[in-house]
C-alpha atoms as a PDB file:
ATOM      1  CA  MET A   1     124.965  42.920-161.001  1.00  0.00           C
ATOM      2  CA  LEU A   2     127.277  41.610-163.548  1.00  0.00           C
ATOM      3  CA  SER A   3     130.240  43.530-165.055  1.00  0.00           C
ATOM      4  CA  LYS A   4     130.914  43.100-168.832  1.00  0.00           C
ATOM      5  CA  ARG A   5     133.711  41.200-167.984  1.00  0.00           C
ATOM      6  CA  HIS A   6     131.587  38.742-165.956  1.00  0.00           C
ATOM      7  CA  VAL A   7     129.385  38.366-168.940  1.00  0.00           C
ATOM      8  CA  ASP A   8     132.475  37.868-171.163  1.00  0.00           C
ATOM      9  CA  ILE A   9     133.906  34.948-168.933  1.00  0.00           C
ATOM     10  CA  LEU A  10     130.420  33.566-168.943  1.00  0.00           C
ATOM     11  CA  GLU A  11     130.155  33.404-172.665  1.00  0.00           C
ATOM     12  CA  ILE A  12     133.498  31.899-172.693  1.00  0.00           C
ATOM     13  CA  LEU A  13     132.628  29.053-170.551  1.00  0.00           C
ATOM     14  CA  GLU A  14     129.283  28.531-171.754  1.00  0.00           C
ATOM     15  CA  ALA A  15     131.364  27.861-175.395  1.00  0.00           C
ATOM     16  CA  GLU A  16     133.983  25.969-174.431  1.00  0.00           C
ATOM     17  CA  GLY A  17     133.432  24.256-170.919  1.00  0.00           C
ATOM     18  CA  ALA A  18     136.019  24.329-168.166  1.00  0.00           C
ATOM     19  CA  VAL A  19     139.269  27.158-168.967  1.00  0.00           C
ATOM     20  CA  THR A  20     141.980  27.795-167.048  1.00  0.00           C
ATOM     21  CA  ILE A  21     142.675  31.121-165.188  1.00  0.00           C
ATOM     22  CA  SER A  22     145.722  31.821-167.241  1.00  0.00           C
ATOM     23  CA  ALA A  23     143.740  31.351-170.572  1.00  0.00           C
ATOM     24  CA  LEU A  24     140.692  33.319-169.254  1.00  0.00           C
ATOM     25  CA  ALA A  25     143.415  36.407-168.477  1.00  0.00           C
ATOM     26  CA  GLY A  26     144.985  36.170-172.275  1.00  0.00           C
ATOM     27  CA  ARG A  27     141.487  36.060-173.815  1.00  0.00           C
ATOM     28  CA  LEU A  28     140.267  39.041-171.939  1.00  0.00           C
ATOM     29  CA  GLY A  29     143.562  41.132-172.039  1.00  0.00           C
ATOM     30  CA  VAL A  30     143.570  41.244-168.106  1.00  0.00           C
ATOM     31  CA  SER A  31     146.120  39.925-165.242  1.00  0.00           C
ATOM     32  CA  LEU A  32     145.661  36.838-163.586  1.00  0.00           C
ATOM     33  CA  GLU A  33     144.970  38.358-160.413  1.00  0.00           C
ATOM     34  CA  THR A  34     142.175  40.632-161.810  1.00  0.00           C
ATOM     35  CA  VAL A  35     140.847  36.966-163.162  1.00  0.00           C
ATOM     36  CA  ARG A  36     140.636  35.652-160.151  1.00  0.00           C
ATOM     37  CA  ARG A  37     138.815  38.751-158.454  1.00  0.00           C
ATOM     38  CA  ASP A  38     136.213  38.396-161.151  1.00  0.00           C
ATOM     39  CA  VAL A  39     135.433  34.764-160.637  1.00  0.00           C
ATOM     40  CA  LYS A  40     135.640  34.687-156.910  1.00  0.00           C
ATOM     41  CA  PRO A  41     131.718  36.368-156.611  1.00  0.00           C
ATOM     42  CA  LEU A  42     130.724  33.742-159.210  1.00  0.00           C
ATOM     43  CA  THR A  43     132.223  30.874-157.425  1.00  0.00           C
ATOM     44  CA  GLU A  44     130.748  32.218-154.282  1.00  0.00           C
ATOM     45  CA  ALA A  45     127.352  32.411-155.719  1.00  0.00           C
ATOM     46  CA  GLY A  46     127.470  28.688-156.981  1.00  0.00           C
ATOM     47  CA  THR A  47     127.405  29.984-160.836  1.00  0.00           C
ATOM     48  CA  LEU A  48     131.039  28.805-161.513  1.00  0.00           C
ATOM     49  CA  LEU A  49     133.175  25.870-159.769  1.00  0.00           C
ATOM     50  CA  ARG A  50     136.767  26.183-159.438  1.00  0.00           C
ATOM     51  CA  ILE A  51     138.674  23.010-160.614  1.00  0.00           C
ATOM     52  CA  HIS A  52     142.485  22.424-160.509  1.00  0.00           C
ATOM     53  CA  GLY A  53     143.550  26.066-161.757  1.00  0.00           C
ATOM     54  CA  ALA A  54     140.639  26.422-164.217  1.00  0.00           C
ATOM     55  CA  VAL A  55     137.040  27.285-163.726  1.00  0.00           C
ATOM     56  CA  GLY A  56     133.601  26.110-165.323  1.00  0.00           C
ATOM     57  CA  LEU A  57     129.786  26.439-165.304  1.00  0.00           C
ATOM     58  CA  ALA A  58     128.422  24.581-162.485  1.00  0.00           C
ATOM     59  CA  GLY A  59     125.891  22.575-164.261  1.00  0.00           C
ATOM     60  CA  ARG A  60     128.612  21.566-166.985  1.00  0.00           C
ATOM     61  CA  ILE A  61     131.286  20.243-164.979  1.00  0.00           C
ATOM     62  CA  GLY A  62     131.492  16.421-165.719  1.00  0.00           C
ATOM     63  CA  GLU A  63     129.466  16.758-168.680  1.00  0.00           C
ATOM     64  CA  ALA A  64     130.041  14.095-171.405  1.00  0.00           C
ATOM     65  CA  PRO A  65     132.054  15.059-174.585  1.00  0.00           C
ATOM     66  CA  PHE A  66     128.500  14.360-176.651  1.00  0.00           C
ATOM     67  CA  GLN A  67     126.883  17.226-174.782  1.00  0.00           C
ATOM     68  CA  LYS A  68     129.323  19.504-175.269  1.00  0.00           C
ATOM     69  CA  ARG A  69     129.493  18.674-179.068  1.00  0.00           C
ATOM     70  CA  MET A  70     125.626  19.310-179.097  1.00  0.00           C
ATOM     71  CA  ARG A  71     126.580  23.169-178.298  1.00  0.00           C
ATOM     72  CA  GLU A  72     128.793  23.846-181.128  1.00  0.00           C
ATOM     73  CA  ASN A  73     127.229  25.178-183.944  1.00  0.00           C
ATOM     74  CA  ALA A  74     123.799  24.441-182.549  1.00  0.00           C
ATOM     75  CA  GLU A  75     122.070  26.792-184.537  1.00  0.00           C
ATOM     76  CA  ALA A  76     123.080  25.385-187.700  1.00  0.00           C
ATOM     77  CA  LYS A  77     122.455  21.992-186.820  1.00  0.00           C
ATOM     78  CA  ARG A  78     118.790  22.951-185.913  1.00  0.00           C
ATOM     79  CA  ALA A  79     118.318  24.718-189.009  1.00  0.00           C
ATOM     80  CA  ILE A  80     119.728  21.333-191.117  1.00  0.00           C
ATOM     81  CA  ALA A  81     117.476  19.140-188.910  1.00  0.00           C
ATOM     82  CA  ARG A  82     114.500  21.163-189.521  1.00  0.00           C
ATOM     83  CA  ALA A  83     115.134  20.798-193.536  1.00  0.00           C
ATOM     84  CA  VAL A  84     115.514  17.178-193.069  1.00  0.00           C
ATOM     85  CA  ALA A  85     112.672  16.354-190.788  1.00  0.00           C
ATOM     86  CA  ALA A  86     110.482  18.609-193.587  1.00  0.00           C
ATOM     87  CA  THR A  87     111.211  15.759-196.131  1.00  0.00           C
ATOM     88  CA  ILE A  88     110.143  12.523-193.803  1.00  0.00           C
ATOM     89  CA  ARG A  89     106.472  11.652-193.830  1.00  0.00           C
ATOM     90  CA  ASP A  90     104.723  10.026-191.181  1.00  0.00           C
ATOM     91  CA  GLY A  91     104.908   6.323-191.151  1.00  0.00           C
ATOM     92  CA  GLU A  92     108.251   6.102-192.885  1.00  0.00           C
ATOM     93  CA  SER A  93     111.444   4.467-191.647  1.00  0.00           C
ATOM     94  CA  VAL A  94     114.674   6.270-190.833  1.00  0.00           C
ATOM     95  CA  MET A  95     117.970   5.041-190.079  1.00  0.00           C
ATOM     96  CA  PHE A  96     120.480   7.068-187.859  1.00  0.00           C
ATOM     97  CA  ASP A  97     124.087   6.672-187.154  1.00  0.00           C
ATOM     98  CA  THR A  98     125.436   8.489-184.025  1.00  0.00           C
ATOM     99  CA  GLY A  99     126.240  12.272-184.245  1.00  0.00           C
ATOM    100  CA  THR A 100     124.983  15.597-182.823  1.00  0.00           C
ATOM    101  CA  THR A 101     123.448  16.526-186.142  1.00  0.00           C
ATOM    102  CA  THR A 102     121.757  13.551-186.325  1.00  0.00           C
ATOM    103  CA  SER A 103     120.301  13.821-182.762  1.00  0.00           C
ATOM    104  CA  PHE A 104     118.966  17.181-183.754  1.00  0.00           C
ATOM    105  CA  VAL A 105     117.319  15.445-186.577  1.00  0.00           C
ATOM    106  CA  ALA A 106     115.668  13.002-184.069  1.00  0.00           C
ATOM    107  CA  ARG A 107     114.486  15.940-181.905  1.00  0.00           C
ATOM    108  CA  GLU A 108     112.856  17.644-185.063  1.00  0.00           C
ATOM    109  CA  LEU A 109     111.145  14.652-185.367  1.00  0.00           C
ATOM    110  CA  MET A 110     109.241  14.030-182.348  1.00  0.00           C
ATOM    111  CA  ARG A 111     106.176  15.676-183.664  1.00  0.00           C
ATOM    112  CA  HIS A 112     105.856  12.916-186.521  1.00  0.00           C
ATOM    113  CA  ARG A 113     103.956   9.879-186.023  1.00  0.00           C
ATOM    114  CA  ARG A 114     104.352   6.187-186.292  1.00  0.00           C
ATOM    115  CA  LEU A 115     107.872   6.431-187.501  1.00  0.00           C
ATOM    116  CA  THR A 116     110.148   3.009-187.825  1.00  0.00           C
ATOM    117  CA  VAL A 117     113.430   4.427-186.621  1.00  0.00           C
ATOM    118  CA  VAL A 118     116.870   2.070-186.258  1.00  0.00           C
ATOM    119  CA  THR A 119     119.833   3.397-184.891  1.00  0.00           C
ATOM    120  CA  ASN A 120     122.998   2.860-182.683  1.00  0.00           C
ATOM    121  CA  SER A 121     122.671   5.971-180.734  1.00  0.00           C
ATOM    122  CA  SER A 122     120.901   5.943-177.017  1.00  0.00           C
ATOM    123  CA  ASP A 123     120.148   9.674-177.066  1.00  0.00           C
ATOM    124  CA  ILE A 124     117.988   9.213-180.463  1.00  0.00           C
ATOM    125  CA  ALA A 125     116.460   6.063-179.153  1.00  0.00           C
ATOM    126  CA  ARG A 126     115.429   7.868-175.906  1.00  0.00           C
ATOM    127  CA  THR A 127     114.239  10.857-177.717  1.00  0.00           C
ATOM    128  CA  LEU A 128     111.798   8.884-180.201  1.00  0.00           C
ATOM    129  CA  ALA A 129     110.934   5.648-178.647  1.00  0.00           C
ATOM    130  CA  THR A 130     108.072   7.085-176.183  1.00  0.00           C
ATOM    131  CA  VAL A 131     106.248   9.460-178.839  1.00  0.00           C
ATOM    132  CA  ASN A 132     103.146   9.228-181.392  1.00  0.00           C
ATOM    133  CA  GLY A 133     103.371   5.373-182.154  1.00  0.00           C
ATOM    134  CA  ASN A 134     107.063   5.299-183.088  1.00  0.00           C
ATOM    135  CA  ARG A 135     108.605   1.855-183.126  1.00  0.00           C
ATOM    136  CA  VAL A 136     112.618   2.023-182.339  1.00  0.00           C
ATOM    137  CA  TYR A 137     114.937  -0.473-182.948  1.00  0.00           C
ATOM    138  CA  MET A 138     118.465   0.067-180.957  1.00  0.00           C
ATOM    139  CA  ALA A 139     121.310  -1.691-182.140  1.00  0.00           C
ATOM    140  CA  GLY A 140     123.120  -4.054-179.574  1.00  0.00           C
ATOM    141  CA  GLY A 141     126.823  -4.064-178.481  1.00  0.00           C
ATOM    142  CA  GLU A 142     129.206  -2.035-176.435  1.00  0.00           C
ATOM    143  CA  LEU A 143     128.068   1.596-175.465  1.00  0.00           C
ATOM    144  CA  ARG A 144     130.873   4.134-176.089  1.00  0.00           C
ATOM    145  CA  SER A 145     131.198   6.473-172.957  1.00  0.00           C
ATOM    146  CA  ASP A 146     131.700   9.402-174.950  1.00  0.00           C
ATOM    147  CA  SER A 147     128.645   9.066-177.418  1.00  0.00           C
ATOM    148  CA  GLY A 148     126.445   6.550-175.534  1.00  0.00           C
ATOM    149  CA  ALA A 149     126.235   4.617-179.036  1.00  0.00           C
ATOM    150  CA  ALA A 150     126.586   1.096-179.617  1.00  0.00           C
ATOM    151  CA  PHE A 151     129.560  -0.355-181.857  1.00  0.00           C
ATOM    152  CA  GLY A 152     131.107  -3.383-183.213  1.00  0.00           C
ATOM    153  CA  LYS A 153     130.012  -6.805-184.879  1.00  0.00           C
ATOM    154  CA  SER A 154     126.580  -7.147-183.174  1.00  0.00           C
ATOM    155  CA  ALA A 155     125.458  -3.484-183.947  1.00  0.00           C
ATOM    156  CA  LEU A 156     126.523  -3.603-187.830  1.00  0.00           C
ATOM    157  CA  ASP A 157     124.954  -7.018-187.798  1.00  0.00           C
ATOM    158  CA  PHE A 158     121.522  -5.801-186.262  1.00  0.00           C
ATOM    159  CA  ILE A 159     121.057  -3.121-188.636  1.00  0.00           C
ATOM    160  CA  ALA A 160     121.864  -5.015-191.792  1.00  0.00           C
ATOM    161  CA  GLN A 161     118.498  -6.910-191.423  1.00  0.00           C
ATOM    162  CA  PHE A 162     116.989  -3.450-192.143  1.00  0.00           C
ATOM    163  CA  ALA A 163     115.942  -1.877-195.293  1.00  0.00           C
ATOM    164  CA  VAL A 164     114.703   1.873-194.580  1.00  0.00           C
ATOM    165  CA  HIS A 165     113.140   4.728-196.427  1.00  0.00           C
ATOM    166  CA  HIS A 166     115.549   7.341-195.196  1.00  0.00           C
ATOM    167  CA  ALA A 167     119.466   6.664-194.127  1.00  0.00           C
ATOM    168  CA  ILE A 168     120.892   9.494-192.300  1.00  0.00           C
ATOM    169  CA  ILE A 169     124.572   9.958-191.157  1.00  0.00           C
ATOM    170  CA  SER A 170     126.597  12.802-189.795  1.00  0.00           C
ATOM    171  CA  VAL A 171     130.217  13.012-190.583  1.00  0.00           C
ATOM    172  CA  GLY A 172     133.664  14.464-189.108  1.00  0.00           C
ATOM    173  CA  ALA A 173     134.825  15.531-192.606  1.00  0.00           C
ATOM    174  CA  ILE A 174     134.100  16.216-196.523  1.00  0.00           C
ATOM    175  CA  ASP A 175     136.981  16.847-198.751  1.00  0.00           C
ATOM    176  CA  GLU A 176     137.337  16.243-202.634  1.00  0.00           C
ATOM    177  CA  ALA A 177     137.059  12.902-202.331  1.00  0.00           C
ATOM    178  CA  GLY A 178     134.348  12.280-200.237  1.00  0.00           C
ATOM    179  CA  VAL A 179     132.823  11.860-196.818  1.00  0.00           C
ATOM    180  CA  MET A 180     135.309  10.915-193.979  1.00  0.00           C
ATOM    181  CA  ASP A 181     135.472  10.322-190.395  1.00  0.00           C
ATOM    182  CA  TYR A 182     138.277   9.925-187.751  1.00  0.00           C
ATOM    183  CA  ALA A 183     137.127   6.778-186.010  1.00  0.00           C
ATOM    184  CA  LEU A 184     137.305   3.341-187.801  1.00  0.00           C
ATOM    185  CA  GLU A 185     133.906   2.030-185.863  1.00  0.00           C
ATOM    186  CA  GLU A 186     131.999   5.180-186.462  1.00  0.00           C
ATOM    187  CA  ALA A 187     132.975   5.034-190.485  1.00  0.00           C
ATOM    188  CA  GLU A 188     132.244   1.499-190.587  1.00  0.00           C
ATOM    189  CA  PHE A 189     128.931   1.831-188.965  1.00  0.00           C
ATOM    190  CA  ALA A 190     128.111   4.880-191.267  1.00  0.00           C
ATOM    191  CA  ARG A 191     129.221   3.061-194.164  1.00  0.00           C
ATOM    192  CA  LEU A 192     126.249   0.350-193.608  1.00  0.00           C
ATOM    193  CA  VAL A 193     124.067   2.802-192.639  1.00  0.00           C
ATOM    194  CA  LEU A 194     124.152   4.174-196.074  1.00  0.00           C
ATOM    195  CA  SER A 195     123.745   1.035-197.788  1.00  0.00           C
ATOM    196  CA  ARG A 196     120.328   0.388-196.209  1.00  0.00           C
ATOM    197  CA  GLY A 197     118.676   3.300-197.276  1.00  0.00           C
ATOM    198  CA  GLU A 198     116.171   4.339-200.520  1.00  0.00           C
ATOM    199  CA  ARG A 199     117.572   7.551-199.666  1.00  0.00           C
ATOM    200  CA  ARG A 200     121.164   8.542-198.465  1.00  0.00           C
ATOM    201  CA  VAL A 201     121.584  11.421-196.805  1.00  0.00           C
ATOM    202  CA  VAL A 202     124.358  13.372-195.168  1.00  0.00           C
ATOM    203  CA  VAL A 203     123.967  15.905-192.888  1.00  0.00           C
ATOM    204  CA  THR A 204     126.719  18.181-191.481  1.00  0.00           C
ATOM    205  CA  ASP A 205     127.403  21.764-190.792  1.00  0.00           C
ATOM    206  CA  HIS A 206     129.746  24.137-192.808  1.00  0.00           C
ATOM    207  CA  SER A 207     132.708  23.855-190.701  1.00  0.00           C
ATOM    208  CA  LYS A 208     133.160  20.001-191.660  1.00  0.00           C
ATOM    209  CA  PHE A 209     133.774  20.828-195.371  1.00  0.00           C
ATOM    210  CA  GLY A 210     137.358  21.269-196.339  1.00  0.00           C
ATOM    211  CA  ARG A 211     138.628  18.983-193.808  1.00  0.00           C
ATOM    212  CA  ARG A 212     140.104  15.687-194.738  1.00  0.00           C
ATOM    213  CA  GLY A 213     139.534  12.747-192.079  1.00  0.00           C
ATOM    214  CA  LEU A 214     141.330   9.452-191.456  1.00  0.00           C
ATOM    215  CA  ILE A 215     138.829   7.102-193.003  1.00  0.00           C
ATOM    216  CA  ALA A 216     136.733   7.307-195.826  1.00  0.00           C
ATOM    217  CA  VAL A 217     133.014   6.469-195.302  1.00  0.00           C
ATOM    218  CA  ALA A 218     131.644   7.037-199.055  1.00  0.00           C
ATOM    219  CA  GLY A 219     132.261   9.083-202.164  1.00  0.00           C
ATOM    220  CA  PHE A 220     129.857  11.610-203.610  1.00  0.00           C
ATOM    221  CA  ASP A 221     128.293   8.999-205.732  1.00  0.00           C
ATOM    222  CA  GLU A 222     127.205   6.817-203.232  1.00  0.00           C
ATOM    223  CA  VAL A 223     125.455   9.703-201.479  1.00  0.00           C
ATOM    224  CA  ASP A 224     122.033  10.955-202.692  1.00  0.00           C
ATOM    225  CA  GLU A 225     121.951  14.259-200.550  1.00  0.00           C
ATOM    226  CA  ILE A 226     124.178  16.523-198.250  1.00  0.00           C
ATOM    227  CA  VAL A 227     122.069  18.823-196.137  1.00  0.00           C
ATOM    228  CA  THR A 228     124.271  22.021-194.828  1.00  0.00           C
ATOM    229  CA  ASP A 229     123.824  25.233-193.314  1.00  0.00           C
ATOM    230  CA  ARG A 230     126.184  27.106-195.936  1.00  0.00           C
ATOM    231  CA  ALA A 231     127.251  26.776-199.654  1.00  0.00           C
ATOM    232  CA  PRO A 232     130.958  25.653-199.281  1.00  0.00           C
ATOM    233  CA  ASP A 233     133.837  26.688-200.738  1.00  0.00           C
ATOM    234  CA  ALA A 234     136.066  23.732-200.637  1.00  0.00           C
ATOM    235  CA  VAL A 235     133.615  21.222-202.103  1.00  0.00           C
ATOM    236  CA  PRO A 236     131.729  23.229-205.076  1.00  0.00           C
ATOM    237  CA  ALA A 237     127.988  21.827-205.676  1.00  0.00           C
ATOM    238  CA  ASP A 238     128.866  21.274-209.275  1.00  0.00           C
ATOM    239  CA  ARG A 239     131.112  18.792-208.258  1.00  0.00           C
ATOM    240  CA  LEU A 240     128.893  17.178-206.063  1.00  0.00           C
ATOM    241  CA  ALA A 241     126.368  17.274-208.998  1.00  0.00           C
ATOM    242  CA  ALA A 242     128.725  15.718-211.262  1.00  0.00           C
ATOM    243  CA  ALA A 243     128.759  12.730-209.092  1.00  0.00           C
ATOM    244  CA  GLY A 244     125.036  12.264-208.653  1.00  0.00           C
ATOM    245  CA  ALA A 245     125.184  14.327-204.885  1.00  0.00           C
ATOM    246  CA  ARG A 246     122.681  17.080-204.344  1.00  0.00           C
ATOM    247  CA  LEU A 247     123.908  19.865-201.919  1.00  0.00           C
ATOM    248  CA  VAL A 248     120.741  21.321-199.937  1.00  0.00           C
ATOM    249  CA  LEU A 249     121.224  24.163-198.207  1.00  0.00           C
ATOM    250  CA  ALA A 250     118.869  24.597-195.049  1.00  0.00           C
ATOM    251  CA  GLY A 251     117.108  27.774-194.254  1.00  0.00           C
END
């Protein structure tokens, strides 16, 4: 039987991955010894693993950072993905950059048929390559260990050959100046993806608004739609509309 504190510990680890014993004690407002007693039966049962003064869920130790990010704001990302998938018709072409929200969109497209998909994301390629007569084109180059996505000149040259119905990117930050990211290669790739679509779509949950990234991806005048789960305070819809971008709220 799990106590209330056992449940709290599992919920913290589910959300955050491995956490130190001292951090757990602080979060729960109990002593280090109390936390050690609480985690002991869970580790003995194989539910948790102890690693260097910390504990984590057994199935999550060694998990790639991309998979951890897939769990962050998952319900919001799923709602955004459903809204975008509903606007894409069978037989159309879609280009994706790599990102957790675009990966959610790919999962919502698994019931679509005869799609042509262009991406640098191995996760998106695997999701859509073997279902319903789709054609998937995967950009080559060096695969990043954290995301399983290809970047570099060869990846850029590859996607520059395509023109698609829908260009869909996810981003790390949106402020009053536009859409931004934190990594140069990801920003370059996303910028090129947008330029290849008849319809240019940014998908992002509300937590990215009001952040200032390191590298500009696009101004609002270079985007047709921003699909999110909640109306942002930091970037009002009328400001987006003035630049020609439409704010779409999922759900």
